[in-house]
C-alpha atoms as a PDB file:
ATOM      1  CA  UNK A   1     148.781  68.151-101.016  1.00  0.00           C
ATOM      2  CA  UNK A   2     147.594  65.514 -98.538  1.00  0.00           C
ATOM      3  CA  UNK A   3     150.276  63.110 -99.775  1.00  0.00           C
ATOM      4  CA  UNK A   4     152.994  65.705 -99.161  1.00  0.00           C
ATOM      5  CA  UNK A   5     151.805  66.307 -95.602  1.00  0.00           C
ATOM      6  CA  UNK A   6     151.722  62.558 -94.933  1.00  0.00           C
ATOM      7  CA  UNK A   7     155.170  61.857 -96.387  1.00  0.00           C
ATOM      8  CA  UNK A   8     157.048  64.797 -94.857  1.00  0.00           C
ATOM      9  CA  UNK A   9     157.520  63.192 -91.388  1.00  0.00           C
ATOM     10  CA  UNK A  10     158.879  60.066 -93.068  1.00  0.00           C
ATOM     11  CA  UNK A  11     161.592  62.128 -94.739  1.00  0.00           C
ATOM     12  CA  UNK A  12     162.861  63.207 -91.322  1.00  0.00           C
ATOM     13  CA  UNK A  13     163.221  59.555 -90.343  1.00  0.00           C
ATOM     14  CA  UNK A  14     165.468  58.916 -93.349  1.00  0.00           C
ATOM     15  CA  UNK A  15     167.837  61.759 -92.428  1.00  0.00           C
ATOM     16  CA  UNK A  16     170.681  61.049 -89.989  1.00  0.00           C
ATOM     17  CA  UNK A  17     170.637  62.909 -86.686  1.00  0.00           C
ATOM     18  CA  UNK A  18     172.825  66.011 -86.741  1.00  0.00           C
ATOM     19  CA  UNK A  19     173.943  65.517 -83.120  1.00  0.00           C
ATOM     20  CA  UNK A  20     173.946  61.675 -83.094  1.00  0.00           C
ATOM     21  CA  UNK A  21     170.998  61.660 -80.675  1.00  0.00           C
ATOM     22  CA  UNK A  22     168.437  59.063 -81.600  1.00  0.00           C
ATOM     23  CA  UNK A  23     165.123  58.171 -80.019  1.00  0.00           C
ATOM     24  CA  UNK A  24     164.606  54.450 -79.691  1.00  0.00           C
ATOM     25  CA  UNK A  25     160.985  53.336 -79.497  1.00  0.00           C
ATOM     26  CA  UNK A  26     160.544  50.045 -77.686  1.00  0.00           C
ATOM     27  CA  UNK A  27     157.433  47.843 -77.498  1.00  0.00           C
ATOM     28  CA  UNK A  28     154.347  49.214 -75.731  1.00  0.00           C
ATOM     29  CA  UNK A  29     154.319  48.239 -72.089  1.00  0.00           C
ATOM     30  CA  UNK A  30     158.061  48.579 -71.648  1.00  0.00           C
ATOM     31  CA  UNK A  31     159.030  50.653 -68.628  1.00  0.00           C
ATOM     32  CA  UNK A  32     162.065  52.923 -68.204  1.00  0.00           C
ATOM     33  CA  UNK A  33     163.881  50.057 -66.467  1.00  0.00           C
ATOM     34  CA  UNK A  34     163.412  47.845 -69.537  1.00  0.00           C
ATOM     35  CA  UNK A  35     164.714  50.583 -71.863  1.00  0.00           C
ATOM     36  CA  UNK A  36     167.801  51.123 -69.687  1.00  0.00           C
ATOM     37  CA  UNK A  37     168.499  47.373 -69.537  1.00  0.00           C
ATOM     38  CA  UNK A  38     168.136  47.077 -73.331  1.00  0.00           C
ATOM     39  CA  UNK A  39     170.497  50.018 -73.781  1.00  0.00           C
ATOM     40  CA  UNK A  40     173.049  48.389 -71.480  1.00  0.00           C
ATOM     41  CA  UNK A  41     172.745  45.135 -73.433  1.00  0.00           C
ATOM     42  CA  UNK A  42     173.612  47.141 -76.562  1.00  0.00           C
ATOM     43  CA  UNK A  43     176.539  48.856 -74.819  1.00  0.00           C
ATOM     44  CA  UNK A  44     174.709  52.194 -74.534  1.00  0.00           C
ATOM     45  CA  UNK A  45     173.335  54.311 -71.719  1.00  0.00           C
ATOM     46  CA  UNK A  46     170.156  56.336 -72.081  1.00  0.00           C
ATOM     47  CA  UNK A  47     170.458  60.123 -72.011  1.00  0.00           C
ATOM     48  CA  UNK A  48     166.799  60.449 -71.093  1.00  0.00           C
ATOM     49  CA  UNK A  49     163.482  58.638 -71.105  1.00  0.00           C
ATOM     50  CA  UNK A  50     160.612  60.087 -73.128  1.00  0.00           C
ATOM     51  CA  UNK A  51     157.162  61.156 -71.991  1.00  0.00           C
ATOM     52  CA  UNK A  52     156.177  57.538 -72.376  1.00  0.00           C
ATOM     53  CA  UNK A  53     158.462  55.063 -70.648  1.00  0.00           C
ATOM     54  CA  UNK A  54     159.058  52.994 -73.784  1.00  0.00           C
ATOM     55  CA  UNK A  55     161.048  55.755 -75.549  1.00  0.00           C
ATOM     56  CA  UNK A  56     164.711  56.332 -74.756  1.00  0.00           C
ATOM     57  CA  UNK A  57     167.208  58.795 -76.196  1.00  0.00           C
ATOM     58  CA  UNK A  58     170.720  57.569 -76.892  1.00  0.00           C
ATOM     59  CA  UNK A  59     173.857  58.924 -78.576  1.00  0.00           C
ATOM     60  CA  UNK A  60     174.363  56.502 -81.463  1.00  0.00           C
ATOM     61  CA  UNK A  61     177.068  57.799 -83.824  1.00  0.00           C
ATOM     62  CA  UNK A  62     177.505  54.592 -85.832  1.00  0.00           C
ATOM     63  CA  UNK A  63     175.037  52.425 -87.725  1.00  0.00           C
ATOM     64  CA  UNK A  64     176.337  49.433 -85.740  1.00  0.00           C
ATOM     65  CA  UNK A  65     175.265  51.164 -82.511  1.00  0.00           C
ATOM     66  CA  UNK A  66     171.751  51.599 -83.862  1.00  0.00           C
ATOM     67  CA  UNK A  67     171.629  47.977 -85.011  1.00  0.00           C
ATOM     68  CA  UNK A  68     172.769  46.767 -81.578  1.00  0.00           C
ATOM     69  CA  UNK A  69     169.870  48.671 -80.003  1.00  0.00           C
ATOM     70  CA  UNK A  70     167.447  47.111 -82.498  1.00  0.00           C
ATOM     71  CA  UNK A  71     168.844  43.694 -81.607  1.00  0.00           C
ATOM     72  CA  UNK A  72     168.207  44.543 -77.932  1.00  0.00           C
ATOM     73  CA  UNK A  73     164.509  45.159 -78.639  1.00  0.00           C
ATOM     74  CA  UNK A  74     164.003  48.616 -80.164  1.00  0.00           C
ATOM     75  CA  UNK A  75     161.236  48.660 -82.759  1.00  0.00           C
ATOM     76  CA  UNK A  76     162.152  51.994 -84.309  1.00  0.00           C
ATOM     77  CA  UNK A  77     165.187  54.273 -84.088  1.00  0.00           C
ATOM     78  CA  UNK A  78     164.842  57.787 -85.464  1.00  0.00           C
ATOM     79  CA  UNK A  79     166.587  61.138 -84.958  1.00  0.00           C
ATOM     80  CA  UNK A  80     165.504  62.439 -81.560  1.00  0.00           C
ATOM     81  CA  UNK A  81     164.492  65.861 -82.888  1.00  0.00           C
ATOM     82  CA  UNK A  82     161.685  64.258 -84.930  1.00  0.00           C
ATOM     83  CA  UNK A  83     159.985  63.084 -81.719  1.00  0.00           C
ATOM     84  CA  UNK A  84     160.492  66.300 -79.783  1.00  0.00           C
ATOM     85  CA  UNK A  85     156.902  66.442 -78.504  1.00  0.00           C
ATOM     86  CA  UNK A  86     157.096  62.848 -77.277  1.00  0.00           C
ATOM     87  CA  UNK A  87     160.359  63.442 -75.465  1.00  0.00           C
ATOM     88  CA  UNK A  88     159.580  66.516 -73.416  1.00  0.00           C
ATOM     89  CA  UNK A  89     157.816  66.092 -70.126  1.00  0.00           C
ATOM     90  CA  UNK A  90     155.194  68.812 -70.309  1.00  0.00           C
ATOM     91  CA  UNK A  91     154.411  68.835 -66.595  1.00  0.00           C
ATOM     92  CA  UNK A  92     154.749  72.448 -65.465  1.00  0.00           C
ATOM     93  CA  UNK A  93     157.464  73.081 -62.903  1.00  0.00           C
ATOM     94  CA  UNK A  94     156.025  76.376 -61.658  1.00  0.00           C
ATOM     95  CA  UNK A  95     152.595  77.912 -61.382  1.00  0.00           C
ATOM     96  CA  UNK A  96     151.464  79.824 -64.405  1.00  0.00           C
ATOM     97  CA  UNK A  97     150.734  83.530 -64.037  1.00  0.00           C
ATOM     98  CA  UNK A  98     147.024  82.868 -64.354  1.00  0.00           C
ATOM     99  CA  UNK A  99     146.855  80.182 -61.671  1.00  0.00           C
ATOM    100  CA  UNK A 100     148.995  82.148 -59.210  1.00  0.00           C
ATOM    101  CA  UNK A 101     146.776  85.224 -59.701  1.00  0.00           C
ATOM    102  CA  UNK A 102     143.659  83.139 -59.052  1.00  0.00           C
ATOM    103  CA  UNK A 103     145.025  81.480 -55.924  1.00  0.00           C
ATOM    104  CA  UNK A 104     143.554  83.106 -52.821  1.00  0.00           C
ATOM    105  CA  UNK A 105     146.010  84.761 -50.452  1.00  0.00           C
ATOM    106  CA  UNK A 106     146.467  83.286 -47.014  1.00  0.00           C
END
């Protein structure tokens, strides 16, 4: 059972992205600027930057596109939906119901 749980995420990596969106993981310490420059060097533009600045999402329909991004410095390229939690900025954009109810009126 433990082996199945450990291998399941790896199976998602082997599957091609259904919408051609891939997350490219670059070396630790890379900033968004570095990811964008690497994408440009590979002839790509980033759709978004992940929660950590060293992850970028690109539309990469062909294997050659993915290889070009690897050549530009990406360590790992996997379907973007497998890293969903790492791609979404979870900073709230509005107060939650609880915090607005607890805020004193002025």
